[in-house]
PDB file of N, CA and C in Angstrom:
ATOM      1  N   MET A   1       0.965  -1.175  -0.043  1.00  0.00           N
ATOM      2  CA  MET A   1      -0.215   0.132  -0.072  1.00  0.00           C
ATOM      3  C   MET A   1       0.963   1.234  -0.007  1.00  0.00           C
ATOM      4  N   GLU A   2       0.626   2.156  -1.215  1.00  0.00           N
ATOM      5  CA  GLU A   2       1.611   3.283  -0.855  1.00  0.00           C
ATOM      6  C   GLU A   2       0.810   4.198  -0.141  1.00  0.00           C
ATOM      7  N   ILE A   3       1.706   4.889   0.854  1.00  0.00           N
ATOM      8  CA  ILE A   3       1.202   5.985   1.667  1.00  0.00           C
ATOM      9  C   ILE A   3       1.437   7.350   1.248  1.00  0.00           C
ATOM     10  N   ASN A   4       0.757   8.216   1.190  1.00  0.00           N
ATOM     11  CA  ASN A   4       0.976   9.644   0.660  1.00  0.00           C
ATOM     12  C   ASN A   4       1.916  10.138   1.892  1.00  0.00           C
ATOM     13  N   LEU A   5       3.063  10.736   1.765  1.00  0.00           N
ATOM     14  CA  LEU A   5       3.728  11.189   2.663  1.00  0.00           C
ATOM     15  C   LEU A   5       3.235  12.419   3.577  1.00  0.00           C
ATOM     16  N   LYS A   6       2.280  13.208   2.444  1.00  0.00           N
ATOM     17  CA  LYS A   6       1.871  14.086   3.373  1.00  0.00           C
ATOM     18  C   LYS A   6       0.838  13.545   4.530  1.00  0.00           C
ATOM     19  N   ASP A   7       0.574  12.404   4.269  1.00  0.00           N
ATOM     20  CA  ASP A   7      -0.627  11.941   5.329  1.00  0.00           C
ATOM     21  C   ASP A   7      -0.119  11.288   6.459  1.00  0.00           C
ATOM     22  N   ILE A   8       1.242  11.298   6.628  1.00  0.00           N
ATOM     23  CA  ILE A   8       2.095  10.704   7.594  1.00  0.00           C
ATOM     24  C   ILE A   8       1.488  11.040   9.145  1.00  0.00           C
ATOM     25  N   ILE A   9       1.225  12.336   9.311  1.00  0.00           N
ATOM     26  CA  ILE A   9       0.601  13.065  10.542  1.00  0.00           C
ATOM     27  C   ILE A   9      -0.576  12.210  11.243  1.00  0.00           C
ATOM     28  N   LYS A  10      -1.392  11.299  10.282  1.00  0.00           N
ATOM     29  CA  LYS A  10      -2.296  10.403  10.446  1.00  0.00           C
ATOM     30  C   LYS A  10      -2.030   9.084  11.295  1.00  0.00           C
ATOM     31  N   TYR A  11      -0.721   8.954  11.086  1.00  0.00           N
ATOM     32  CA  TYR A  11      -0.317   7.368  11.294  1.00  0.00           C
ATOM     33  C   TYR A  11       0.039   7.410  12.827  1.00  0.00           C
ATOM     34  N   GLU A  12       0.055   6.201  13.266  1.00  0.00           N
ATOM     35  CA  GLU A  12       0.846   6.103  14.603  1.00  0.00           C
ATOM     36  C   GLU A  12       2.429   6.317  14.468  1.00  0.00           C
ATOM     37  N   LEU A  13       2.739   7.126  15.307  1.00  0.00           N
ATOM     38  CA  LEU A  13       4.535   7.335  15.538  1.00  0.00           C
ATOM     39  C   LEU A  13       5.240   6.275  16.337  1.00  0.00           C
ATOM     40  N   ILE A  14       4.467   6.114  17.437  1.00  0.00           N
ATOM     41  CA  ILE A  14       4.985   5.237  18.355  1.00  0.00           C
ATOM     42  C   ILE A  14       5.642   3.988  17.556  1.00  0.00           C
ATOM     43  N   GLY A  15       7.073   3.950  17.804  1.00  0.00           N
ATOM     44  CA  GLY A  15       7.656   2.791  17.399  1.00  0.00           C
ATOM     45  C   GLY A  15       8.738   3.431  16.342  1.00  0.00           C
ATOM     46  N   LEU A  16       8.547   4.693  15.772  1.00  0.00           N
ATOM     47  CA  LEU A  16       9.168   4.849  14.653  1.00  0.00           C
ATOM     48  C   LEU A  16      10.555   5.572  15.454  1.00  0.00           C
ATOM     49  N   LYS A  17      11.436   5.638  14.272  1.00  0.00           N
ATOM     50  CA  LYS A  17      12.831   6.142  14.727  1.00  0.00           C
ATOM     51  C   LYS A  17      12.705   7.708  14.233  1.00  0.00           C
ATOM     52  N   ALA A  18      13.260   8.596  15.031  1.00  0.00           N
ATOM     53  CA  ALA A  18      13.119  10.197  15.005  1.00  0.00           C
ATOM     54  C   ALA A  18      14.407  10.909  15.279  1.00  0.00           C
ATOM     55  N   LYS A  19      14.262  11.964  14.821  1.00  0.00           N
ATOM     56  CA  LYS A  19      15.788  13.037  15.177  1.00  0.00           C
ATOM     57  C   LYS A  19      15.171  14.353  14.837  1.00  0.00           C
ATOM     58  N   VAL A  20      15.723  14.937  16.174  1.00  0.00           N
ATOM     59  CA  VAL A  20      15.117  16.381  16.373  1.00  0.00           C
ATOM     60  C   VAL A  20      15.992  17.151  15.584  1.00  0.00           C
ATOM     61  N   ILE A  21      15.607  17.846  14.402  1.00  0.00           N
ATOM     62  CA  ILE A  21      16.427  18.700  13.492  1.00  0.00           C
ATOM     63  C   ILE A  21      16.196  20.329  13.993  1.00  0.00           C
ATOM     64  N   ALA A  22      15.290  20.654  14.583  1.00  0.00           N
ATOM     65  CA  ALA A  22      15.219  22.193  14.900  1.00  0.00           C
ATOM     66  C   ALA A  22      14.523  22.233  16.200  1.00  0.00           C
ATOM     67  N   SER A  23      14.727  23.150  17.220  1.00  0.00           N
ATOM     68  CA  SER A  23      13.885  23.010  18.398  1.00  0.00           C
ATOM     69  C   SER A  23      13.992  24.693  19.020  1.00  0.00           C
ATOM     70  N   LYS A  24      12.980  24.940  19.574  1.00  0.00           N
ATOM     71  CA  LYS A  24      13.273  26.341  20.292  1.00  0.00           C
ATOM     72  C   LYS A  24      14.314  26.157  21.407  1.00  0.00           C
ATOM     73  N   ASN A  25      14.399  25.187  21.753  1.00  0.00           N
ATOM     74  CA  ASN A  25      15.269  24.675  22.909  1.00  0.00           C
ATOM     75  C   ASN A  25      16.316  23.971  22.330  1.00  0.00           C
ATOM     76  N   LYS A  26      17.467  24.857  22.142  1.00  0.00           N
ATOM     77  CA  LYS A  26      18.704  24.362  21.423  1.00  0.00           C
ATOM     78  C   LYS A  26      19.190  23.148  21.845  1.00  0.00           C
ATOM     79  N   SER A  27      19.112  22.763  22.941  1.00  0.00           N
ATOM     80  CA  SER A  27      19.829  21.547  23.538  1.00  0.00           C
ATOM     81  C   SER A  27      18.874  20.508  23.445  1.00  0.00           C
ATOM     82  N   ASN A  28      17.711  20.477  22.548  1.00  0.00           N
ATOM     83  CA  ASN A  28      17.415  19.330  22.192  1.00  0.00           C
ATOM     84  C   ASN A  28      17.594  18.961  20.617  1.00  0.00           C
ATOM     85  N   ILE A  29      18.207  19.777  20.025  1.00  0.00           N
ATOM     86  CA  ILE A  29      18.740  19.730  18.600  1.00  0.00           C
ATOM     87  C   ILE A  29      19.738  18.415  18.766  1.00  0.00           C
ATOM     88  N   GLY A  30      19.530  17.444  17.707  1.00  0.00           N
ATOM     89  CA  GLY A  30      20.126  16.197  17.733  1.00  0.00           C
ATOM     90  C   GLY A  30      19.612  15.288  18.350  1.00  0.00           C
ATOM     91  N   ILE A  31      18.691  15.342  19.027  1.00  0.00           N
ATOM     92  CA  ILE A  31      18.285  13.986  20.148  1.00  0.00           C
ATOM     93  C   ILE A  31      17.535  12.991  19.082  1.00  0.00           C
ATOM     94  N   GLU A  32      17.934  11.800  19.013  1.00  0.00           N
ATOM     95  CA  GLU A  32      17.529  11.048  18.106  1.00  0.00           C
ATOM     96  C   GLU A  32      17.251   9.506  18.875  1.00  0.00           C
ATOM     97  N   GLY A  33      16.351   8.777  18.446  1.00  0.00           N
ATOM     98  CA  GLY A  33      16.163   7.368  18.954  1.00  0.00           C
ATOM     99  C   GLY A  33      14.652   7.178  18.658  1.00  0.00           C
ATOM    100  N   LYS A  34      13.968   5.932  19.295  1.00  0.00           N
ATOM    101  CA  LYS A  34      12.571   5.759  19.154  1.00  0.00           C
ATOM    102  C   LYS A  34      11.811   6.298  19.739  1.00  0.00           C
ATOM    103  N   ILE A  35      10.632   6.750  19.197  1.00  0.00           N
ATOM    104  CA  ILE A  35       9.451   7.367  19.657  1.00  0.00           C
ATOM    105  C   ILE A  35       8.733   6.370  20.507  1.00  0.00           C
ATOM    106  N   ILE A  36       8.624   6.504  21.903  1.00  0.00           N
ATOM    107  CA  ILE A  36       8.016   5.307  22.637  1.00  0.00           C
ATOM    108  C   ILE A  36       6.780   5.671  23.411  1.00  0.00           C
ATOM    109  N   ASP A  37       6.427   7.290  23.130  1.00  0.00           N
ATOM    110  CA  ASP A  37       5.035   7.610  23.704  1.00  0.00           C
ATOM    111  C   ASP A  37       4.687   8.995  23.096  1.00  0.00           C
ATOM    112  N   GLU A  38       3.317   9.212  23.458  1.00  0.00           N
ATOM    113  CA  GLU A  38       2.765  10.410  22.634  1.00  0.00           C
ATOM    114  C   GLU A  38       1.791  10.783  23.631  1.00  0.00           C
ATOM    115  N   THR A  39       1.491  12.017  23.664  1.00  0.00           N
ATOM    116  CA  THR A  39       0.471  12.687  24.224  1.00  0.00           C
ATOM    117  C   THR A  39       0.001  13.907  23.422  1.00  0.00           C
ATOM    118  N   LYS A  40      -0.836  14.426  24.042  1.00  0.00           N
ATOM    119  CA  LYS A  40      -1.556  15.560  22.935  1.00  0.00           C
ATOM    120  C   LYS A  40      -0.645  16.528  22.739  1.00  0.00           C
ATOM    121  N   SER A  41       0.238  16.823  23.563  1.00  0.00           N
ATOM    122  CA  SER A  41       1.360  18.143  23.203  1.00  0.00           C
ATOM    123  C   SER A  41       2.699  17.641  23.435  1.00  0.00           C
ATOM    124  N   THR A  42       3.019  16.253  23.446  1.00  0.00           N
ATOM    125  CA  THR A  42       4.484  15.962  23.613  1.00  0.00           C
ATOM    126  C   THR A  42       4.744  14.626  23.011  1.00  0.00           C
ATOM    127  N   ILE A  43       6.015  14.263  22.601  1.00  0.00           N
ATOM    128  CA  ILE A  43       6.393  13.032  22.329  1.00  0.00           C
ATOM    129  C   ILE A  43       7.448  12.801  23.062  1.00  0.00           C
ATOM    130  N   MET A  44       7.849  11.329  23.647  1.00  0.00           N
ATOM    131  CA  MET A  44       9.048  10.853  24.279  1.00  0.00           C
ATOM    132  C   MET A  44       9.848  10.020  23.397  1.00  0.00           C
ATOM    133  N   ILE A  45      11.021  10.370  23.234  1.00  0.00           N
ATOM    134  CA  ILE A  45      11.886   9.773  22.457  1.00  0.00           C
ATOM    135  C   ILE A  45      13.028   8.932  23.167  1.00  0.00           C
ATOM    136  N   GLU A  46      13.112   7.691  22.967  1.00  0.00           N
ATOM    137  CA  GLU A  46      14.183   6.798  23.813  1.00  0.00           C
ATOM    138  C   GLU A  46      15.459   6.532  22.911  1.00  0.00           C
ATOM    139  N   LYS A  47      16.520   6.884  23.865  1.00  0.00           N
ATOM    140  CA  LYS A  47      17.861   6.036  23.125  1.00  0.00           C
ATOM    141  C   LYS A  47      18.561   5.174  24.189  1.00  0.00           C
ATOM    142  N   GLY A  48      18.578   4.071  24.128  1.00  0.00           N
ATOM    143  CA  GLY A  48      19.293   3.373  25.237  1.00  0.00           C
ATOM    144  C   GLY A  48      18.500   3.772  26.578  1.00  0.00           C
ATOM    145  N   GLU A  49      19.154   3.837  27.475  1.00  0.00           N
ATOM    146  CA  GLU A  49      18.779   3.985  28.798  1.00  0.00           C
ATOM    147  C   GLU A  49      17.874   5.532  29.057  1.00  0.00           C
ATOM    148  N   LYS A  50      18.266   6.196  27.880  1.00  0.00           N
ATOM    149  CA  LYS A  50      17.722   7.664  28.257  1.00  0.00           C
ATOM    150  C   LYS A  50      16.473   7.956  27.415  1.00  0.00           C
ATOM    151  N   GLN A  51      15.550   8.761  28.213  1.00  0.00           N
ATOM    152  CA  GLN A  51      14.317   9.165  27.425  1.00  0.00           C
ATOM    153  C   GLN A  51      14.191  10.469  27.533  1.00  0.00           C
ATOM    154  N   LYS A  52      13.636  11.310  26.548  1.00  0.00           N
ATOM    155  CA  LYS A  52      13.309  12.639  26.469  1.00  0.00           C
ATOM    156  C   LYS A  52      11.975  12.989  26.130  1.00  0.00           C
ATOM    157  N   ARG A  53      11.548  13.798  26.999  1.00  0.00           N
ATOM    158  CA  ARG A  53       9.871  14.331  26.578  1.00  0.00           C
ATOM    159  C   ARG A  53      10.070  15.665  25.930  1.00  0.00           C
ATOM    160  N   LEU A  54       9.718  15.853  24.511  1.00  0.00           N
ATOM    161  CA  LEU A  54       9.594  17.129  23.862  1.00  0.00           C
ATOM    162  C   LEU A  54       8.212  17.497  23.530  1.00  0.00           C
ATOM    163  N   PHE A  55       8.049  19.081  23.793  1.00  0.00           N
ATOM    164  CA  PHE A  55       6.958  19.444  23.206  1.00  0.00           C
ATOM    165  C   PHE A  55       6.829  19.554  21.804  1.00  0.00           C
ATOM    166  N   LYS A  56       5.721  19.064  21.352  1.00  0.00           N
ATOM    167  CA  LYS A  56       5.397  19.052  19.934  1.00  0.00           C
ATOM    168  C   LYS A  56       5.750  20.568  19.211  1.00  0.00           C
ATOM    169  N   ASN A  57       4.937  21.438  19.745  1.00  0.00           N
ATOM    170  CA  ASN A  57       4.905  22.798  19.160  1.00  0.00           C
ATOM    171  C   ASN A  57       6.278  23.303  19.135  1.00  0.00           C
ATOM    172  N   ASN A  58       7.379  23.011  19.745  1.00  0.00           N
ATOM    173  CA  ASN A  58       8.569  23.388  20.016  1.00  0.00           C
ATOM    174  C   ASN A  58       9.581  22.669  18.758  1.00  0.00           C
ATOM    175  N   ILE A  59       9.379  21.736  18.168  1.00  0.00           N
ATOM    176  CA  ILE A  59      10.277  20.913  17.476  1.00  0.00           C
ATOM    177  C   ILE A  59      10.028  20.573  15.984  1.00  0.00           C
ATOM    178  N   ILE A  60      11.018  20.562  15.175  1.00  0.00           N
ATOM    179  CA  ILE A  60      10.910  19.761  13.876  1.00  0.00           C
ATOM    180  C   ILE A  60      11.574  18.315  13.849  1.00  0.00           C
ATOM    181  N   ILE A  61      11.184  17.444  13.430  1.00  0.00           N
ATOM    182  CA  ILE A  61      11.707  16.295  13.277  1.00  0.00           C
ATOM    183  C   ILE A  61      11.962  15.398  11.964  1.00  0.00           C
ATOM    184  N   ASP A  62      12.942  14.653  11.870  1.00  0.00           N
ATOM    185  CA  ASP A  62      12.751  13.727  10.843  1.00  0.00           C
ATOM    186  C   ASP A  62      12.379  12.221  11.327  1.00  0.00           C
ATOM    187  N   VAL A  63      11.698  11.687  10.688  1.00  0.00           N
ATOM    188  CA  VAL A  63      11.122  10.413  11.205  1.00  0.00           C
ATOM    189  C   VAL A  63      11.367   9.527  10.272  1.00  0.00           C
ATOM    190  N   LYS A  64      11.822   8.112  10.450  1.00  0.00           N
ATOM    191  CA  LYS A  64      12.060   7.290   9.375  1.00  0.00           C
ATOM    192  C   LYS A  64      10.886   6.473   9.321  1.00  0.00           C
ATOM    193  N   PHE A  65      10.260   6.380   7.987  1.00  0.00           N
ATOM    194  CA  PHE A  65       8.868   5.668   7.680  1.00  0.00           C
ATOM    195  C   PHE A  65       8.768   5.021   6.458  1.00  0.00           C
ATOM    196  N   ASN A  66       8.701   3.700   6.713  1.00  0.00           N
ATOM    197  CA  ASN A  66       8.920   2.936   5.378  1.00  0.00           C
ATOM    198  C   ASN A  66       9.811   3.012   4.525  1.00  0.00           C
ATOM    199  N   LYS A  67      11.104   3.079   5.108  1.00  0.00           N
ATOM    200  CA  LYS A  67      12.724   3.129   4.415  1.00  0.00           C
ATOM    201  C   LYS A  67      12.862   4.659   4.012  1.00  0.00           C
ATOM    202  N   ARG A  68      11.955   5.414   4.295  1.00  0.00           N
ATOM    203  CA  ARG A  68      11.992   6.827   3.941  1.00  0.00           C
ATOM    204  C   ARG A  68      12.240   7.783   5.079  1.00  0.00           C
ATOM    205  N   VAL A  69      12.932   8.805   4.912  1.00  0.00           N
ATOM    206  CA  VAL A  69      12.853   9.946   6.047  1.00  0.00           C
ATOM    207  C   VAL A  69      12.201  11.124   5.650  1.00  0.00           C
ATOM    208  N   VAL A  70      10.995  11.465   6.667  1.00  0.00           N
ATOM    209  CA  VAL A  70      10.075  12.522   6.469  1.00  0.00           C
ATOM    210  C   VAL A  70      10.275  13.581   7.489  1.00  0.00           C
ATOM    211  N   ARG A  71      10.472  14.896   6.887  1.00  0.00           N
ATOM    212  CA  ARG A  71      10.718  15.760   8.080  1.00  0.00           C
ATOM    213  C   ARG A  71       9.130  16.477   8.275  1.00  0.00           C
ATOM    214  N   ILE A  72       8.752  16.641   9.811  1.00  0.00           N
ATOM    215  CA  ILE A  72       7.520  16.839  10.396  1.00  0.00           C
ATOM    216  C   ILE A  72       7.652  18.113  11.196  1.00  0.00           C
ATOM    217  N   ASP A  73       6.887  18.924  10.922  1.00  0.00           N
ATOM    218  CA  ASP A  73       7.123  20.417  11.728  1.00  0.00           C
ATOM    219  C   ASP A  73       6.067  19.774  13.154  1.00  0.00           C
ATOM    220  N   GLY A  74       6.550  19.778  14.170  1.00  0.00           N
ATOM    221  CA  GLY A  74       5.478  19.479  15.290  1.00  0.00           C
ATOM    222  C   GLY A  74       4.288  19.846  15.583  1.00  0.00           C
ATOM    223  N   LYS A  75       4.381  21.040  15.159  1.00  0.00           N
ATOM    224  CA  LYS A  75       2.750  21.797  14.988  1.00  0.00           C
ATOM    225  C   LYS A  75       1.780  21.033  14.432  1.00  0.00           C
ATOM    226  N   LEU A  76       1.983  20.416  13.403  1.00  0.00           N
ATOM    227  CA  LEU A  76       1.177  19.400  12.688  1.00  0.00           C
ATOM    228  C   LEU A  76       0.838  18.258  13.528  1.00  0.00           C
ATOM    229  N   LEU A  77       1.501  17.825  14.589  1.00  0.00           N
ATOM    230  CA  LEU A  77       1.398  16.651  15.268  1.00  0.00           C
ATOM    231  C   LEU A  77       0.352  17.095  16.517  1.00  0.00           C
ATOM    232  N   ALA A  78       0.181  18.319  16.905  1.00  0.00           N
ATOM    233  CA  ALA A  78      -0.523  18.606  18.056  1.00  0.00           C
ATOM    234  C   ALA A  78      -1.977  18.027  17.971  1.00  0.00           C
ATOM    235  N   GLY A  79      -2.257  17.756  19.125  1.00  0.00           N
ATOM    236  CA  GLY A  79      -3.488  16.813  19.671  1.00  0.00           C
ATOM    237  C   GLY A  79      -3.206  15.401  19.667  1.00  0.00           C
ATOM    238  N   ARG A  80      -4.319  14.717  19.995  1.00  0.00           N
ATOM    239  CA  ARG A  80      -4.052  13.355  20.159  1.00  0.00           C
ATOM    240  C   ARG A  80      -3.838  12.551  19.149  1.00  0.00           C
ATOM    241  N   PRO A  81      -3.166  11.499  19.042  1.00  0.00           N
ATOM    242  CA  PRO A  81      -3.189  10.505  17.882  1.00  0.00           C
ATOM    243  C   PRO A  81      -4.586  10.220  17.319  1.00  0.00           C
ATOM    244  N   LYS A  82      -5.535   9.686  18.108  1.00  0.00           N
ATOM    245  CA  LYS A  82      -6.564   9.480  17.531  1.00  0.00           C
ATOM    246  C   LYS A  82      -7.428  10.472  16.766  1.00  0.00           C
ATOM    247  N   GLU A  83      -7.161  11.836  17.175  1.00  0.00           N
ATOM    248  CA  GLU A  83      -7.832  12.675  16.528  1.00  0.00           C
ATOM    249  C   GLU A  83      -7.247  13.150  15.404  1.00  0.00           C
ATOM    250  N   ARG A  84      -6.031  13.277  15.228  1.00  0.00           N
ATOM    251  CA  ARG A  84      -5.208  13.384  13.922  1.00  0.00           C
ATOM    252  C   ARG A  84      -5.789  12.473  12.906  1.00  0.00           C
ATOM    253  N   VAL A  85      -6.211  11.485  13.166  1.00  0.00           N
ATOM    254  CA  VAL A  85      -6.712  10.365  12.046  1.00  0.00           C
ATOM    255  C   VAL A  85      -8.019  10.962  11.072  1.00  0.00           C
ATOM    256  N   LYS A  86      -8.679  11.736  12.086  1.00  0.00           N
ATOM    257  CA  LYS A  86      -9.941  12.452  11.488  1.00  0.00           C
ATOM    258  C   LYS A  86      -9.619  13.587  10.433  1.00  0.00           C
ATOM    259  N   ILE A  87      -8.610  14.167  10.551  1.00  0.00           N
ATOM    260  CA  ILE A  87      -7.956  15.391   9.660  1.00  0.00           C
ATOM    261  C   ILE A  87      -8.178  14.815   8.288  1.00  0.00           C
ATOM    262  N   LYS A  88      -8.818  15.823   7.461  1.00  0.00           N
ATOM    263  CA  LYS A  88      -8.877  15.363   5.927  1.00  0.00           C
ATOM    264  C   LYS A  88      -7.899  16.098   5.011  1.00  0.00           C
TER     265      LYS A  88
END
């Protein structure tokens, strides 16, 4: 099944690999690992024993999805995952 990359925000992000490309908090730039949790306004990335919770509105991330890397503005991810599915 071919997925329109513009529609990636409708899919489950937990389990995908991500890297912070830009952030209002400069110390978050470069954080990478697996997305292990998502709330209405945050995502949690884990690498090894370390976990970092990031505010979606403050970041731009690259996400590895179906062997491709997709850049996502965290503002597009705002809201609960189940609510994003309803976006047309």
